[in-house]
PDB file of N, CA and C in Angstrom:
ATOM      1  N   MET A   1     200.955   9.744  23.896  1.00  0.00           N
ATOM      2  CA  MET A   1     199.937   9.073  23.284  1.00  0.00           C
ATOM      3  C   MET A   1     200.536   7.623  23.367  1.00  0.00           C
ATOM      4  N   PRO A   2     199.651   6.640  23.689  1.00  0.00           N
ATOM      5  CA  PRO A   2     199.986   5.234  23.937  1.00  0.00           C
ATOM      6  C   PRO A   2     200.468   4.682  22.532  1.00  0.00           C
ATOM      7  N   ASP A   3     201.278   3.668  22.504  1.00  0.00           N
ATOM      8  CA  ASP A   3     201.878   3.198  21.330  1.00  0.00           C
ATOM      9  C   ASP A   3     200.934   2.445  20.296  1.00  0.00           C
ATOM     10  N   ASN A   4     199.747   1.971  20.945  1.00  0.00           N
ATOM     11  CA  ASN A   4     198.661   1.425  20.056  1.00  0.00           C
ATOM     12  C   ASN A   4     197.864   2.414  19.325  1.00  0.00           C
ATOM     13  N   ASP A   5     197.879   3.567  19.785  1.00  0.00           N
ATOM     14  CA  ASP A   5     197.077   4.727  18.983  1.00  0.00           C
ATOM     15  C   ASP A   5     197.791   5.215  17.772  1.00  0.00           C
ATOM     16  N   TYR A   6     197.230   4.825  16.566  1.00  0.00           N
ATOM     17  CA  TYR A   6     197.835   5.315  15.314  1.00  0.00           C
ATOM     18  C   TYR A   6     196.783   5.449  14.289  1.00  0.00           C
ATOM     19  N   ASP A   7     197.099   6.134  13.322  1.00  0.00           N
ATOM     20  CA  ASP A   7     196.134   6.451  12.124  1.00  0.00           C
ATOM     21  C   ASP A   7     196.604   5.368  11.057  1.00  0.00           C
ATOM     22  N   VAL A   8     195.686   4.581  10.783  1.00  0.00           N
ATOM     23  CA  VAL A   8     195.979   3.490   9.889  1.00  0.00           C
ATOM     24  C   VAL A   8     196.441   4.066   8.597  1.00  0.00           C
ATOM     25  N   ALA A   9     195.829   5.238   8.086  1.00  0.00           N
ATOM     26  CA  ALA A   9     196.226   5.664   6.728  1.00  0.00           C
ATOM     27  C   ALA A   9     197.841   6.148   6.815  1.00  0.00           C
ATOM     28  N   GLU A  10     198.205   6.250   8.044  1.00  0.00           N
ATOM     29  CA  GLU A  10     199.767   6.811   8.126  1.00  0.00           C
ATOM     30  C   GLU A  10     200.583   5.560   8.135  1.00  0.00           C
ATOM     31  N   VAL A  11     200.262   4.389   8.376  1.00  0.00           N
ATOM     32  CA  VAL A  11     201.089   3.252   8.383  1.00  0.00           C
ATOM     33  C   VAL A  11     201.554   2.794   7.017  1.00  0.00           C
ATOM     34  N   GLU A  12     202.829   2.706   6.995  1.00  0.00           N
ATOM     35  CA  GLU A  12     203.278   2.112   5.719  1.00  0.00           C
ATOM     36  C   GLU A  12     203.015   0.724   5.375  1.00  0.00           C
ATOM     37  N   GLY A  13     202.783   0.517   4.194  1.00  0.00           N
ATOM     38  CA  GLY A  13     202.652  -0.901   3.772  1.00  0.00           C
ATOM     39  C   GLY A  13     201.224  -1.426   3.763  1.00  0.00           C
ATOM     40  N   ILE A  14     200.361  -0.496   4.303  1.00  0.00           N
ATOM     41  CA  ILE A  14     198.938  -0.813   4.325  1.00  0.00           C
ATOM     42  C   ILE A  14     198.337  -0.206   2.992  1.00  0.00           C
ATOM     43  N   THR A  15     197.526  -0.998   2.288  1.00  0.00           N
ATOM     44  CA  THR A  15     196.779  -0.425   1.247  1.00  0.00           C
ATOM     45  C   THR A  15     195.192  -0.529   1.695  1.00  0.00           C
ATOM     46  N   ILE A  16     194.661   0.617   1.648  1.00  0.00           N
ATOM     47  CA  ILE A  16     193.156   0.692   1.987  1.00  0.00           C
ATOM     48  C   ILE A  16     192.442   0.514   0.695  1.00  0.00           C
ATOM     49  N   ASP A  17     191.703  -0.472   0.614  1.00  0.00           N
ATOM     50  CA  ASP A  17     190.822  -0.649  -0.516  1.00  0.00           C
ATOM     51  C   ASP A  17     189.434  -0.345  -0.247  1.00  0.00           C
ATOM     52  N   GLU A  18     189.134   0.854  -0.831  1.00  0.00           N
ATOM     53  CA  GLU A  18     187.837   1.339  -0.585  1.00  0.00           C
ATOM     54  C   GLU A  18     186.775   0.865  -1.563  1.00  0.00           C
ATOM     55  N   GLN A  19     185.929   0.003  -1.168  1.00  0.00           N
ATOM     56  CA  GLN A  19     184.891  -0.616  -1.889  1.00  0.00           C
ATOM     57  C   GLN A  19     183.563   0.120  -1.719  1.00  0.00           C
ATOM     58  N   GLU A  20     182.806   0.350  -2.657  1.00  0.00           N
ATOM     59  CA  GLU A  20     181.487   0.870  -2.418  1.00  0.00           C
ATOM     60  C   GLU A  20     180.651  -0.152  -1.794  1.00  0.00           C
ATOM     61  N   VAL A  21     180.115   0.222  -0.675  1.00  0.00           N
ATOM     62  CA  VAL A  21     179.282  -0.682   0.028  1.00  0.00           C
ATOM     63  C   VAL A  21     177.680  -0.301  -0.426  1.00  0.00           C
ATOM     64  N   LYS A  22     177.054  -1.389  -0.833  1.00  0.00           N
ATOM     65  CA  LYS A  22     175.608  -1.116  -1.368  1.00  0.00           C
ATOM     66  C   LYS A  22     174.649  -1.485  -0.213  1.00  0.00           C
ATOM     67  N   GLU A  23     173.617  -0.863  -0.145  1.00  0.00           N
ATOM     68  CA  GLU A  23     172.534  -1.214   0.731  1.00  0.00           C
ATOM     69  C   GLU A  23     171.894  -2.430   0.340  1.00  0.00           C
ATOM     70  N   PRO A  24     171.440  -3.389   0.852  1.00  0.00           N
ATOM     71  CA  PRO A  24     170.810  -4.531   0.543  1.00  0.00           C
ATOM     72  C   PRO A  24     169.355  -4.173  -0.180  1.00  0.00           C
ATOM     73  N   PRO A  25     168.930  -4.743  -1.256  1.00  0.00           N
ATOM     74  CA  PRO A  25     167.505  -4.510  -1.785  1.00  0.00           C
ATOM     75  C   PRO A  25     166.590  -4.542  -0.724  1.00  0.00           C
ATOM     76  N   ARG A  26     165.556  -3.595  -0.899  1.00  0.00           N
ATOM     77  CA  ARG A  26     164.427  -3.606   0.100  1.00  0.00           C
ATOM     78  C   ARG A  26     163.257  -4.179  -0.699  1.00  0.00           C
ATOM     79  N   TYR A  27     162.225  -4.653   0.225  1.00  0.00           N
ATOM     80  CA  TYR A  27     160.933  -5.257  -0.329  1.00  0.00           C
ATOM     81  C   TYR A  27     159.719  -4.651   0.381  1.00  0.00           C
ATOM     82  N   ARG A  28     158.769  -4.413  -0.326  1.00  0.00           N
ATOM     83  CA  ARG A  28     157.619  -3.850   0.302  1.00  0.00           C
ATOM     84  C   ARG A  28     156.681  -5.008   0.559  1.00  0.00           C
ATOM     85  N   VAL A  29     156.211  -5.140   1.741  1.00  0.00           N
ATOM     86  CA  VAL A  29     155.114  -6.140   2.231  1.00  0.00           C
ATOM     87  C   VAL A  29     153.656  -5.571   1.872  1.00  0.00           C
ATOM     88  N   LEU A  30     152.953  -6.259   1.332  1.00  0.00           N
ATOM     89  CA  LEU A  30     151.603  -5.742   1.027  1.00  0.00           C
ATOM     90  C   LEU A  30     150.430  -6.758   1.408  1.00  0.00           C
ATOM     91  N   LEU A  31     149.418  -6.163   1.697  1.00  0.00           N
ATOM     92  CA  LEU A  31     148.215  -6.925   2.107  1.00  0.00           C
ATOM     93  C   LEU A  31     147.280  -6.579   0.982  1.00  0.00           C
ATOM     94  N   HIS A  32     146.534  -7.485   0.668  1.00  0.00           N
ATOM     95  CA  HIS A  32     145.492  -7.473  -0.502  1.00  0.00           C
ATOM     96  C   HIS A  32     144.061  -7.611   0.097  1.00  0.00           C
ATOM     97  N   ASN A  33     143.161  -6.887  -0.332  1.00  0.00           N
ATOM     98  CA  ASN A  33     141.701  -7.030   0.125  1.00  0.00           C
ATOM     99  C   ASN A  33     141.161  -8.277  -0.332  1.00  0.00           C
ATOM    100  N   ASP A  34     140.153  -8.784   0.310  1.00  0.00           N
ATOM    101  CA  ASP A  34     139.307  -9.805   0.037  1.00  0.00           C
ATOM    102  C   ASP A  34     137.897  -9.745   0.650  1.00  0.00           C
ATOM    103  N   ASP A  35     136.943 -10.425   0.313  1.00  0.00           N
ATOM    104  CA  ASP A  35     135.607 -10.225   0.819  1.00  0.00           C
ATOM    105  C   ASP A  35     135.310 -11.159   2.028  1.00  0.00           C
ATOM    106  N   TYR A  36     136.331 -11.867   2.769  1.00  0.00           N
ATOM    107  CA  TYR A  36     136.225 -12.667   3.847  1.00  0.00           C
ATOM    108  C   TYR A  36     136.878 -12.340   5.088  1.00  0.00           C
ATOM    109  N   THR A  37     138.146 -11.862   4.822  1.00  0.00           N
ATOM    110  CA  THR A  37     138.861 -11.420   6.094  1.00  0.00           C
ATOM    111  C   THR A  37     138.382 -10.364   6.777  1.00  0.00           C
ATOM    112  N   THR A  38     138.171 -10.392   8.011  1.00  0.00           N
ATOM    113  CA  THR A  38     137.536  -9.309   8.793  1.00  0.00           C
ATOM    114  C   THR A  38     138.603  -8.184   9.122  1.00  0.00           C
ATOM    115  N   GLN A  39     138.096  -7.056   9.110  1.00  0.00           N
ATOM    116  CA  GLN A  39     138.816  -5.683   9.362  1.00  0.00           C
ATOM    117  C   GLN A  39     139.690  -5.888  10.731  1.00  0.00           C
ATOM    118  N   ASP A  40     138.921  -6.427  11.626  1.00  0.00           N
ATOM    119  CA  ASP A  40     139.607  -6.614  13.009  1.00  0.00           C
ATOM    120  C   ASP A  40     140.760  -7.577  12.832  1.00  0.00           C
ATOM    121  N   PHE A  41     140.693  -8.705  12.181  1.00  0.00           N
ATOM    122  CA  PHE A  41     141.871  -9.418  11.956  1.00  0.00           C
ATOM    123  C   PHE A  41     143.016  -8.798  11.274  1.00  0.00           C
ATOM    124  N   VAL A  42     142.764  -8.091  10.152  1.00  0.00           N
ATOM    125  CA  VAL A  42     143.839  -7.274   9.576  1.00  0.00           C
ATOM    126  C   VAL A  42     144.456  -6.179  10.501  1.00  0.00           C
ATOM    127  N   VAL A  43     143.530  -5.418  11.270  1.00  0.00           N
ATOM    128  CA  VAL A  43     144.209  -4.602  12.331  1.00  0.00           C
ATOM    129  C   VAL A  43     145.153  -5.373  13.153  1.00  0.00           C
ATOM    130  N   ALA A  44     144.635  -6.555  13.741  1.00  0.00           N
ATOM    131  CA  ALA A  44     145.481  -7.383  14.617  1.00  0.00           C
ATOM    132  C   ALA A  44     146.792  -7.800  14.029  1.00  0.00           C
ATOM    133  N   ILE A  45     146.663  -8.166  12.658  1.00  0.00           N
ATOM    134  CA  ILE A  45     148.042  -8.610  11.997  1.00  0.00           C
ATOM    135  C   ILE A  45     148.987  -7.588  11.857  1.00  0.00           C
ATOM    136  N   LEU A  46     148.346  -6.256  11.480  1.00  0.00           N
ATOM    137  CA  LEU A  46     149.203  -5.063  11.369  1.00  0.00           C
ATOM    138  C   LEU A  46     149.884  -4.718  12.816  1.00  0.00           C
ATOM    139  N   HIS A  47     149.041  -4.806  13.792  1.00  0.00           N
ATOM    140  CA  HIS A  47     149.502  -4.528  15.021  1.00  0.00           C
ATOM    141  C   HIS A  47     150.685  -5.536  15.555  1.00  0.00           C
ATOM    142  N   HIS A  48     150.410  -6.822  15.442  1.00  0.00           N
ATOM    143  CA  HIS A  48     151.254  -7.910  16.031  1.00  0.00           C
ATOM    144  C   HIS A  48     152.322  -8.284  15.224  1.00  0.00           C
ATOM    145  N   VAL A  49     152.160  -8.299  13.885  1.00  0.00           N
ATOM    146  CA  VAL A  49     153.258  -8.791  13.026  1.00  0.00           C
ATOM    147  C   VAL A  49     154.098  -7.592  12.639  1.00  0.00           C
ATOM    148  N   PHE A  50     153.498  -6.418  12.250  1.00  0.00           N
ATOM    149  CA  PHE A  50     154.273  -5.408  11.809  1.00  0.00           C
ATOM    150  C   PHE A  50     154.486  -4.239  12.726  1.00  0.00           C
ATOM    151  N   ASN A  51     154.180  -4.421  14.054  1.00  0.00           N
ATOM    152  CA  ASN A  51     154.301  -3.428  15.171  1.00  0.00           C
ATOM    153  C   ASN A  51     153.792  -2.065  14.820  1.00  0.00           C
ATOM    154  N   LYS A  52     152.623  -1.933  14.302  1.00  0.00           N
ATOM    155  CA  LYS A  52     151.980  -0.803  13.994  1.00  0.00           C
ATOM    156  C   LYS A  52     151.094  -0.386  15.191  1.00  0.00           C
ATOM    157  N   SER A  53     151.003   0.906  15.485  1.00  0.00           N
ATOM    158  CA  SER A  53     150.150   1.292  16.496  1.00  0.00           C
ATOM    159  C   SER A  53     148.709   1.077  16.129  1.00  0.00           C
ATOM    160  N   LEU A  54     147.680   0.805  17.026  1.00  0.00           N
ATOM    161  CA  LEU A  54     146.352   0.635  16.534  1.00  0.00           C
ATOM    162  C   LEU A  54     145.757   1.740  15.597  1.00  0.00           C
ATOM    163  N   PRO A  55     146.012   3.088  15.884  1.00  0.00           N
ATOM    164  CA  PRO A  55     145.566   4.083  14.836  1.00  0.00           C
ATOM    165  C   PRO A  55     146.221   3.726  13.492  1.00  0.00           C
ATOM    166  N   GLU A  56     147.552   3.552  13.480  1.00  0.00           N
ATOM    167  CA  GLU A  56     148.293   3.338  12.181  1.00  0.00           C
ATOM    168  C   GLU A  56     147.669   2.068  11.437  1.00  0.00           C
ATOM    169  N   ALA A  57     147.494   1.083  12.326  1.00  0.00           N
ATOM    170  CA  ALA A  57     147.089  -0.207  11.799  1.00  0.00           C
ATOM    171  C   ALA A  57     145.678  -0.059  11.073  1.00  0.00           C
ATOM    172  N   THR A  58     144.802   0.728  11.732  1.00  0.00           N
ATOM    173  CA  THR A  58     143.460   1.005  11.323  1.00  0.00           C
ATOM    174  C   THR A  58     143.481   1.874  10.081  1.00  0.00           C
ATOM    175  N   ASP A  59     144.405   2.822   9.892  1.00  0.00           N
ATOM    176  CA  ASP A  59     144.667   3.659   8.677  1.00  0.00           C
ATOM    177  C   ASP A  59     145.071   2.601   7.460  1.00  0.00           C
ATOM    178  N   ILE A  60     146.010   1.745   7.771  1.00  0.00           N
ATOM    179  CA  ILE A  60     146.444   0.846   6.727  1.00  0.00           C
ATOM    180  C   ILE A  60     145.319  -0.106   6.257  1.00  0.00           C
ATOM    181  N   MET A  61     144.703  -0.662   7.258  1.00  0.00           N
ATOM    182  CA  MET A  61     143.580  -1.553   6.978  1.00  0.00           C
ATOM    183  C   MET A  61     142.392  -0.786   6.067  1.00  0.00           C
ATOM    184  N   LEU A  62     142.216   0.336   6.405  1.00  0.00           N
ATOM    185  CA  LEU A  62     141.200   1.176   5.575  1.00  0.00           C
ATOM    186  C   LEU A  62     141.710   1.461   4.125  1.00  0.00           C
ATOM    187  N   LYS A  63     142.904   1.481   3.945  1.00  0.00           N
ATOM    188  CA  LYS A  63     143.477   1.668   2.583  1.00  0.00           C
ATOM    189  C   LYS A  63     143.479   0.490   1.886  1.00  0.00           C
ATOM    190  N   VAL A  64     143.719  -0.720   2.674  1.00  0.00           N
ATOM    191  CA  VAL A  64     143.594  -1.983   1.960  1.00  0.00           C
ATOM    192  C   VAL A  64     142.150  -2.276   1.575  1.00  0.00           C
ATOM    193  N   HIS A  65     141.135  -2.047   2.486  1.00  0.00           N
ATOM    194  CA  HIS A  65     139.901  -2.103   2.148  1.00  0.00           C
ATOM    195  C   HIS A  65     139.329  -1.180   1.013  1.00  0.00           C
ATOM    196  N   ASN A  66     139.652   0.014   0.946  1.00  0.00           N
ATOM    197  CA  ASN A  66     139.273   0.973  -0.016  1.00  0.00           C
ATOM    198  C   ASN A  66     140.013   0.948  -1.401  1.00  0.00           C
ATOM    199  N   SER A  67     141.261   0.752  -1.253  1.00  0.00           N
ATOM    200  CA  SER A  67     142.109   0.640  -2.484  1.00  0.00           C
ATOM    201  C   SER A  67     142.411  -0.666  -3.023  1.00  0.00           C
ATOM    202  N   GLY A  68     142.192  -1.776  -2.275  1.00  0.00           N
ATOM    203  CA  GLY A  68     142.504  -3.024  -2.713  1.00  0.00           C
ATOM    204  C   GLY A  68     143.736  -3.734  -2.148  1.00  0.00           C
ATOM    205  N   ILE A  69     144.705  -2.756  -1.807  1.00  0.00           N
ATOM    206  CA  ILE A  69     145.968  -3.178  -1.355  1.00  0.00           C
ATOM    207  C   ILE A  69     146.595  -2.087  -0.551  1.00  0.00           C
ATOM    208  N   GLY A  70     147.499  -2.426   0.331  1.00  0.00           N
ATOM    209  CA  GLY A  70     148.195  -1.590   1.382  1.00  0.00           C
ATOM    210  C   GLY A  70     149.354  -2.006   1.768  1.00  0.00           C
ATOM    211  N   GLN A  71     150.302  -1.130   1.923  1.00  0.00           N
ATOM    212  CA  GLN A  71     151.712  -1.462   2.200  1.00  0.00           C
ATOM    213  C   GLN A  71     151.804  -1.373   3.792  1.00  0.00           C
ATOM    214  N   CYS A  72     152.512  -2.573   4.196  1.00  0.00           N
ATOM    215  CA  CYS A  72     152.594  -2.831   5.606  1.00  0.00           C
ATOM    216  C   CYS A  72     154.001  -2.220   6.141  1.00  0.00           C
ATOM    217  N   GLY A  73     155.038  -2.286   5.213  1.00  0.00           N
ATOM    218  CA  GLY A  73     156.194  -1.856   5.641  1.00  0.00           C
ATOM    219  C   GLY A  73     157.449  -2.118   4.576  1.00  0.00           C
ATOM    220  N   VAL A  74     158.563  -1.812   4.758  1.00  0.00           N
ATOM    221  CA  VAL A  74     159.586  -2.049   3.708  1.00  0.00           C
ATOM    222  C   VAL A  74     160.823  -2.571   4.587  1.00  0.00           C
ATOM    223  N   TYR A  75     161.167  -3.733   4.029  1.00  0.00           N
ATOM    224  CA  TYR A  75     162.252  -4.616   4.844  1.00  0.00           C
ATOM    225  C   TYR A  75     163.270  -5.137   3.909  1.00  0.00           C
ATOM    226  N   THR A  76     164.381  -5.724   4.401  1.00  0.00           N
ATOM    227  CA  THR A  76     165.201  -6.447   3.635  1.00  0.00           C
ATOM    228  C   THR A  76     164.498  -7.707   3.210  1.00  0.00           C
ATOM    229  N   ARG A  77     165.039  -8.447   2.301  1.00  0.00           N
ATOM    230  CA  ARG A  77     164.473  -9.727   1.771  1.00  0.00           C
ATOM    231  C   ARG A  77     164.063 -10.844   2.781  1.00  0.00           C
ATOM    232  N   GLU A  78     164.957 -11.046   3.683  1.00  0.00           N
ATOM    233  CA  GLU A  78     164.718 -12.098   4.582  1.00  0.00           C
ATOM    234  C   GLU A  78     163.673 -11.618   5.582  1.00  0.00           C
ATOM    235  N   ILE A  79     163.659 -10.409   6.147  1.00  0.00           N
ATOM    236  CA  ILE A  79     162.663  -9.960   6.993  1.00  0.00           C
ATOM    237  C   ILE A  79     161.376 -10.066   6.386  1.00  0.00           C
ATOM    238  N   ALA A  80     161.300  -9.578   5.214  1.00  0.00           N
ATOM    239  CA  ALA A  80     160.034  -9.425   4.391  1.00  0.00           C
ATOM    240  C   ALA A  80     159.464 -10.865   4.152  1.00  0.00           C
ATOM    241  N   GLU A  81     160.323 -11.793   3.794  1.00  0.00           N
ATOM    242  CA  GLU A  81     159.784 -13.062   3.589  1.00  0.00           C
ATOM    243  C   GLU A  81     159.341 -13.703   4.828  1.00  0.00           C
ATOM    244  N   ALA A  82     159.942 -13.365   6.100  1.00  0.00           N
ATOM    245  CA  ALA A  82     159.444 -14.069   7.283  1.00  0.00           C
ATOM    246  C   ALA A  82     158.153 -13.265   7.750  1.00  0.00           C
ATOM    247  N   LYS A  83     157.998 -12.197   7.458  1.00  0.00           N
ATOM    248  CA  LYS A  83     156.633 -11.492   7.873  1.00  0.00           C
ATOM    249  C   LYS A  83     155.642 -12.000   6.885  1.00  0.00           C
ATOM    250  N   VAL A  84     155.822 -12.180   5.564  1.00  0.00           N
ATOM    251  CA  VAL A  84     154.833 -12.833   4.720  1.00  0.00           C
ATOM    252  C   VAL A  84     154.364 -14.169   5.190  1.00  0.00           C
ATOM    253  N   ALA A  85     155.453 -15.078   5.514  1.00  0.00           N
ATOM    254  CA  ALA A  85     155.072 -16.253   5.898  1.00  0.00           C
ATOM    255  C   ALA A  85     154.436 -16.250   7.251  1.00  0.00           C
ATOM    256  N   ARG A  86     154.611 -15.325   8.214  1.00  0.00           N
ATOM    257  CA  ARG A  86     153.957 -15.177   9.472  1.00  0.00           C
ATOM    258  C   ARG A  86     152.503 -14.809   9.241  1.00  0.00           C
ATOM    259  N   VAL A  87     152.197 -13.846   8.355  1.00  0.00           N
ATOM    260  CA  VAL A  87     150.879 -13.394   8.002  1.00  0.00           C
ATOM    261  C   VAL A  87     150.055 -14.563   7.350  1.00  0.00           C
ATOM    262  N   ARG A  88     150.680 -15.199   6.477  1.00  0.00           N
ATOM    263  CA  ARG A  88     150.037 -16.285   5.777  1.00  0.00           C
ATOM    264  C   ARG A  88     149.701 -17.461   6.817  1.00  0.00           C
ATOM    265  N   GLN A  89     150.587 -17.740   7.607  1.00  0.00           N
ATOM    266  CA  GLN A  89     150.344 -18.746   8.582  1.00  0.00           C
ATOM    267  C   GLN A  89     149.128 -18.506   9.583  1.00  0.00           C
ATOM    268  N   ALA A  90     149.182 -17.224  10.023  1.00  0.00           N
ATOM    269  CA  ALA A  90     148.190 -16.709  10.878  1.00  0.00           C
ATOM    270  C   ALA A  90     146.843 -16.693  10.293  1.00  0.00           C
ATOM    271  N   ALA A  91     146.848 -16.227   9.149  1.00  0.00           N
ATOM    272  CA  ALA A  91     145.510 -16.186   8.357  1.00  0.00           C
ATOM    273  C   ALA A  91     144.999 -17.725   8.168  1.00  0.00           C
ATOM    274  N   LYS A  92     145.881 -18.557   7.726  1.00  0.00           N
ATOM    275  CA  LYS A  92     145.435 -20.008   7.502  1.00  0.00           C
ATOM    276  C   LYS A  92     144.948 -20.443   8.989  1.00  0.00           C
ATOM    277  N   ASP A  93     145.628 -20.227   9.990  1.00  0.00           N
ATOM    278  CA  ASP A  93     145.295 -20.843  11.200  1.00  0.00           C
ATOM    279  C   ASP A  93     143.776 -20.181  11.737  1.00  0.00           C
ATOM    280  N   ALA A  94     143.444 -19.017  11.189  1.00  0.00           N
ATOM    281  CA  ALA A  94     142.280 -18.230  11.624  1.00  0.00           C
ATOM    282  C   ALA A  94     141.191 -18.453  10.654  1.00  0.00           C
ATOM    283  N   GLY A  95     141.474 -19.340   9.389  1.00  0.00           N
ATOM    284  CA  GLY A  95     140.543 -19.536   8.498  1.00  0.00           C
ATOM    285  C   GLY A  95     140.213 -18.327   7.521  1.00  0.00           C
ATOM    286  N   PHE A  96     141.173 -17.439   7.269  1.00  0.00           N
ATOM    287  CA  PHE A  96     140.923 -16.391   6.437  1.00  0.00           C
ATOM    288  C   PHE A  96     141.904 -16.688   5.227  1.00  0.00           C
ATOM    289  N   PRO A  97     141.341 -16.143   4.076  1.00  0.00           N
ATOM    290  CA  PRO A  97     142.123 -16.112   2.850  1.00  0.00           C
ATOM    291  C   PRO A  97     142.993 -14.811   2.614  1.00  0.00           C
ATOM    292  N   LEU A  98     143.316 -14.208   3.677  1.00  0.00           N
ATOM    293  CA  LEU A  98     144.104 -13.027   3.584  1.00  0.00           C
ATOM    294  C   LEU A  98     145.480 -13.047   2.731  1.00  0.00           C
ATOM    295  N   LEU A  99     145.612 -12.416   1.661  1.00  0.00           N
ATOM    296  CA  LEU A  99     146.790 -12.530   0.743  1.00  0.00           C
ATOM    297  C   LEU A  99     147.742 -11.496   1.242  1.00  0.00           C
ATOM    298  N   CYS A 100     149.058 -11.841   1.320  1.00  0.00           N
ATOM    299  CA  CYS A 100     150.084 -11.163   1.820  1.00  0.00           C
ATOM    300  C   CYS A 100     151.115 -11.432   0.859  1.00  0.00           C
ATOM    301  N   THR A 101     151.820 -10.340   0.080  1.00  0.00           N
ATOM    302  CA  THR A 101     152.705 -10.531  -0.811  1.00  0.00           C
ATOM    303  C   THR A 101     153.960  -9.556  -0.634  1.00  0.00           C
ATOM    304  N   MET A 102     155.099  -9.676  -1.310  1.00  0.00           N
ATOM    305  CA  MET A 102     156.171  -8.840  -1.345  1.00  0.00           C
ATOM    306  C   MET A 102     156.674  -8.534  -2.600  1.00  0.00           C
ATOM    307  N   GLU A 103     157.154  -7.331  -2.857  1.00  0.00           N
ATOM    308  CA  GLU A 103     157.754  -6.852  -4.112  1.00  0.00           C
ATOM    309  C   GLU A 103     158.887  -5.956  -3.952  1.00  0.00           C
ATOM    310  N   LYS A 104     159.919  -5.981  -4.733  1.00  0.00           N
ATOM    311  CA  LYS A 104     161.063  -5.232  -4.697  1.00  0.00           C
ATOM    312  C   LYS A 104     160.729  -3.825  -4.861  1.00  0.00           C
ATOM    313  N   GLU A 105     161.366  -3.090  -4.002  1.00  0.00           N
ATOM    314  CA  GLU A 105     161.078  -1.629  -4.124  1.00  0.00           C
ATOM    315  C   GLU A 105     161.741  -1.021  -5.092  1.00  0.00           C
TER     316      GLU A 105
END
């Protein structure tokens, strides 16, 4: 066996401090229904921003339409914030009042 292959637990003088590693908090990204944003635009947002297949995007869009709110995905805080900002900017650029929010899971 080569000299550099060794089991760290067997090396004297090394203390292994086992800390509990916690998963970062996760956030749900939500779309809210309104009377002005077209269903096609919502499907396009779900497809391009959230990488949903067209059938999956259509299902989520219908949930938003029928229930008033629909979940686009669950992400770490930074990714959720970026996706919310991207949706808001795209909606603004297209002239739609589409509301996209995030909440802690």
